[in-house]
Amino acid sequence: MKKTISINISGMVFTIDEDAFQNLSNYLDTIKSYFNGSEGRDEIMADIEARIAELLQTRVNEGKAVVNVSDIQAVIETLGEP
């Protein structure tokens, strides 16, 4: 049994398990630090979060209700490492 968390990414609400949430948080923190001090960082982060939400939406629509670690890994593979 795993804990789940409700999160809002770019206006879309997802239920995500705790391990997947940690992976996603680490990924977003790494991207934020990469663009730290860059002009337009907030807009870049909003665009990245919107794309993450789109990718997760397609995975949730496949008949599952909870985002898991493999979903987050697939998103990271699609977007690439910062």
N, C-alpha and C. Protein backbone atom coordinates (compact mmCIF):
# COMPACT_ATOMS: atom_id res chain seq x y z
N MET A 1 0.84 -1.16 0.00
CA MET A 1 0.00 0.00 0.00
C MET A 1 0.90 1.24 0.00
N LYS A 2 0.54 2.20 -0.87
CA LYS A 2 1.32 3.43 -0.96
C LYS A 2 0.43 4.63 -0.69
N LYS A 3 1.04 5.67 -0.17
CA LYS A 3 0.34 6.94 0.01
C LYS A 3 0.17 7.60 -1.34
N THR A 4 -0.93 8.31 -1.51
CA THR A 4 -1.13 9.10 -2.72
C THR A 4 -1.35 10.56 -2.33
N ILE A 5 -1.03 11.42 -3.27
CA ILE A 5 -1.10 12.86 -3.06
C ILE A 5 -1.84 13.44 -4.26
N SER A 6 -2.68 14.43 -4.02
CA SER A 6 -3.30 15.16 -5.12
C SER A 6 -2.44 16.40 -5.40
N ILE A 7 -2.10 16.57 -6.68
CA ILE A 7 -1.29 17.72 -7.07
C ILE A 7 -1.96 18.43 -8.24
N ASN A 8 -1.61 19.69 -8.39
CA ASN A 8 -2.11 20.50 -9.48
C ASN A 8 -0.92 20.91 -10.33
N ILE A 9 -0.91 20.47 -11.57
CA ILE A 9 0.16 20.85 -12.49
C ILE A 9 -0.49 21.56 -13.66
N SER A 10 -0.17 22.82 -13.80
CA SER A 10 -0.65 23.62 -14.91
C SER A 10 -2.18 23.57 -15.02
N GLY A 11 -2.85 23.63 -13.88
CA GLY A 11 -4.30 23.65 -13.85
C GLY A 11 -4.98 22.30 -13.93
N MET A 12 -4.21 21.23 -14.04
CA MET A 12 -4.78 19.88 -14.08
C MET A 12 -4.46 19.18 -12.76
N VAL A 13 -5.45 18.48 -12.22
CA VAL A 13 -5.28 17.79 -10.95
C VAL A 13 -4.98 16.32 -11.22
N PHE A 14 -3.94 15.83 -10.54
CA PHE A 14 -3.53 14.44 -10.67
C PHE A 14 -3.40 13.83 -9.29
N THR A 15 -3.68 12.54 -9.21
CA THR A 15 -3.38 11.77 -8.01
C THR A 15 -2.10 11.02 -8.33
N ILE A 16 -1.12 11.18 -7.45
CA ILE A 16 0.22 10.65 -7.71
C ILE A 16 0.71 9.93 -6.46
N ASP A 17 1.41 8.81 -6.64
CA ASP A 17 1.91 8.13 -5.46
C ASP A 17 3.14 8.87 -4.93
N GLU A 18 3.45 8.61 -3.68
CA GLU A 18 4.47 9.37 -2.96
C GLU A 18 5.85 9.29 -3.63
N ASP A 19 6.24 8.10 -4.09
CA ASP A 19 7.55 7.95 -4.73
C ASP A 19 7.61 8.72 -6.05
N ALA A 20 6.54 8.66 -6.82
CA ALA A 20 6.50 9.39 -8.09
C ALA A 20 6.52 10.89 -7.84
N PHE A 21 5.83 11.34 -6.80
CA PHE A 21 5.84 12.76 -6.44
C PHE A 21 7.25 13.23 -6.12
N GLN A 22 7.98 12.43 -5.37
CA GLN A 22 9.36 12.79 -5.01
C GLN A 22 10.24 12.88 -6.26
N ASN A 23 10.10 11.92 -7.17
CA ASN A 23 10.87 11.95 -8.42
C ASN A 23 10.54 13.19 -9.25
N LEU A 24 9.24 13.50 -9.35
CA LEU A 24 8.82 14.68 -10.12
C LEU A 24 9.33 15.96 -9.46
N SER A 25 9.25 16.04 -8.16
CA SER A 25 9.74 17.21 -7.43
C SER A 25 11.23 17.41 -7.65
N ASN A 26 11.99 16.33 -7.56
CA ASN A 26 13.43 16.42 -7.79
C ASN A 26 13.75 16.89 -9.20
N TYR A 27 13.01 16.36 -10.17
CA TYR A 27 13.20 16.75 -11.57
C TYR A 27 12.91 18.24 -11.77
N LEU A 28 11.79 18.70 -11.23
CA LEU A 28 11.44 20.12 -11.38
C LEU A 28 12.42 21.02 -10.63
N ASP A 29 12.88 20.60 -9.47
CA ASP A 29 13.87 21.38 -8.72
C ASP A 29 15.18 21.50 -9.50
N THR A 30 15.58 20.41 -10.15
CA THR A 30 16.81 20.44 -10.95
C THR A 30 16.66 21.41 -12.12
N ILE A 31 15.51 21.39 -12.76
CA ILE A 31 15.28 22.32 -13.87
C ILE A 31 15.27 23.76 -13.36
N LYS A 32 14.60 24.01 -12.24
CA LYS A 32 14.56 25.36 -11.67
C LYS A 32 15.96 25.87 -11.37
N SER A 33 16.79 25.01 -10.79
CA SER A 33 18.15 25.45 -10.46
C SER A 33 18.98 25.68 -11.73
N TYR A 34 18.70 24.90 -12.79
CA TYR A 34 19.40 25.09 -14.06
C TYR A 34 19.10 26.47 -14.64
N PHE A 35 17.85 26.90 -14.54
CA PHE A 35 17.46 28.19 -15.09
C PHE A 35 17.51 29.31 -14.06
N ASN A 36 18.05 29.05 -12.88
CA ASN A 36 18.14 30.06 -11.83
C ASN A 36 18.89 31.28 -12.35
N GLY A 37 18.28 32.43 -12.20
CA GLY A 37 18.90 33.66 -12.64
C GLY A 37 18.67 33.99 -14.11
N SER A 38 18.08 33.07 -14.84
CA SER A 38 17.80 33.31 -16.25
C SER A 38 16.56 34.18 -16.40
N GLU A 39 16.62 35.06 -17.35
CA GLU A 39 15.44 35.88 -17.64
C GLU A 39 14.37 34.98 -18.25
N GLY A 40 13.15 35.10 -17.78
CA GLY A 40 12.07 34.29 -18.30
C GLY A 40 11.95 32.92 -17.67
N ARG A 41 12.63 32.72 -16.54
CA ARG A 41 12.61 31.41 -15.87
C ARG A 41 11.20 30.96 -15.54
N ASP A 42 10.37 31.89 -15.04
CA ASP A 42 9.01 31.52 -14.65
C ASP A 42 8.20 31.06 -15.86
N GLU A 43 8.37 31.71 -16.99
CA GLU A 43 7.66 31.32 -18.20
C GLU A 43 8.15 29.97 -18.70
N ILE A 44 9.45 29.74 -18.63
CA ILE A 44 10.01 28.45 -19.03
C ILE A 44 9.45 27.34 -18.16
N MET A 45 9.42 27.57 -16.84
CA MET A 45 8.91 26.55 -15.92
C MET A 45 7.42 26.29 -16.16
N ALA A 46 6.67 27.34 -16.45
CA ALA A 46 5.24 27.16 -16.74
C ALA A 46 5.05 26.31 -18.00
N ASP A 47 5.88 26.55 -19.01
CA ASP A 47 5.80 25.75 -20.25
C ASP A 47 6.15 24.29 -19.99
N ILE A 48 7.18 24.06 -19.21
CA ILE A 48 7.60 22.69 -18.89
C ILE A 48 6.52 21.98 -18.09
N GLU A 49 5.96 22.67 -17.10
CA GLU A 49 4.90 22.06 -16.30
C GLU A 49 3.66 21.77 -17.15
N ALA A 50 3.35 22.65 -18.10
CA ALA A 50 2.21 22.40 -18.99
C ALA A 50 2.44 21.14 -19.83
N ARG A 51 3.67 20.98 -20.32
CA ARG A 51 3.99 19.79 -21.11
C ARG A 51 3.94 18.53 -20.25
N ILE A 52 4.42 18.61 -19.02
CA ILE A 52 4.35 17.47 -18.10
C ILE A 52 2.89 17.10 -17.87
N ALA A 53 2.04 18.08 -17.66
CA ALA A 53 0.62 17.82 -17.44
C ALA A 53 0.00 17.14 -18.66
N GLU A 54 0.34 17.59 -19.85
CA GLU A 54 -0.18 16.96 -21.08
C GLU A 54 0.25 15.49 -21.16
N LEU A 55 1.52 15.25 -20.89
CA LEU A 55 2.03 13.88 -20.97
C LEU A 55 1.39 12.98 -19.92
N LEU A 56 1.22 13.49 -18.71
CA LEU A 56 0.60 12.69 -17.65
C LEU A 56 -0.87 12.44 -17.96
N GLN A 57 -1.54 13.42 -18.55
CA GLN A 57 -2.95 13.26 -18.89
C GLN A 57 -3.15 12.09 -19.85
N THR A 58 -2.26 11.94 -20.80
CA THR A 58 -2.40 10.82 -21.75
C THR A 58 -2.18 9.49 -21.04
N ARG A 59 -1.32 9.46 -20.05
CA ARG A 59 -1.06 8.21 -19.33
C ARG A 59 -2.20 7.87 -18.39
N VAL A 60 -2.83 8.87 -17.79
CA VAL A 60 -3.95 8.63 -16.88
C VAL A 60 -5.18 8.20 -17.68
N ASN A 61 -5.34 8.72 -18.88
CA ASN A 61 -6.48 8.36 -19.71
C ASN A 61 -6.45 6.91 -20.18
N GLU A 62 -5.34 6.24 -19.97
CA GLU A 62 -5.22 4.85 -20.40
C GLU A 62 -5.91 3.90 -19.43
N GLY A 63 -6.76 4.40 -18.57
CA GLY A 63 -7.52 3.55 -17.67
C GLY A 63 -6.98 3.45 -16.27
N LYS A 64 -5.98 4.25 -15.94
CA LYS A 64 -5.46 4.23 -14.58
C LYS A 64 -5.73 5.56 -13.90
N ALA A 65 -5.83 5.52 -12.60
CA ALA A 65 -6.20 6.71 -11.85
C ALA A 65 -5.02 7.38 -11.15
N VAL A 66 -3.95 6.63 -10.90
CA VAL A 66 -2.84 7.14 -10.11
C VAL A 66 -1.56 7.16 -10.93
N VAL A 67 -0.88 8.30 -10.90
CA VAL A 67 0.41 8.44 -11.57
C VAL A 67 1.44 7.73 -10.71
N ASN A 68 2.27 6.89 -11.34
CA ASN A 68 3.29 6.16 -10.59
C ASN A 68 4.69 6.50 -11.11
N VAL A 69 5.68 5.85 -10.53
CA VAL A 69 7.08 6.14 -10.87
C VAL A 69 7.36 5.89 -12.35
N SER A 70 6.82 4.84 -12.91
CA SER A 70 7.08 4.56 -14.32
C SER A 70 6.50 5.65 -15.22
N ASP A 71 5.39 6.24 -14.82
CA ASP A 71 4.83 7.37 -15.58
C ASP A 71 5.77 8.57 -15.55
N ILE A 72 6.30 8.86 -14.39
CA ILE A 72 7.22 9.98 -14.26
C ILE A 72 8.50 9.72 -15.03
N GLN A 73 9.01 8.49 -14.98
CA GLN A 73 10.21 8.15 -15.75
C GLN A 73 9.96 8.31 -17.24
N ALA A 74 8.78 7.94 -17.70
CA ALA A 74 8.45 8.10 -19.12
C ALA A 74 8.40 9.58 -19.50
N VAL A 75 7.87 10.41 -18.63
CA VAL A 75 7.82 11.85 -18.88
C VAL A 75 9.24 12.41 -18.96
N ILE A 76 10.07 12.01 -18.03
CA ILE A 76 11.46 12.50 -18.00
C ILE A 76 12.21 12.04 -19.25
N GLU A 77 11.98 10.81 -19.69
CA GLU A 77 12.61 10.33 -20.90
C GLU A 77 12.17 11.14 -22.12
N THR A 78 10.89 11.49 -22.16
CA THR A 78 10.36 12.29 -23.27
C THR A 78 10.94 13.70 -23.26
N LEU A 79 10.98 14.33 -22.09
CA LEU A 79 11.46 15.71 -22.00
C LEU A 79 12.98 15.81 -21.96
N GLY A 80 13.63 14.78 -21.46
CA GLY A 80 15.07 14.78 -21.33
C GLY A 80 15.54 15.34 -20.01
N GLU A 81 16.76 15.03 -19.70
CA GLU A 81 17.38 15.53 -18.46
C GLU A 81 17.86 16.95 -18.68
N PRO A 82 17.77 17.78 -17.63
CA PRO A 82 18.27 19.17 -17.77
C PRO A 82 19.78 19.22 -17.86
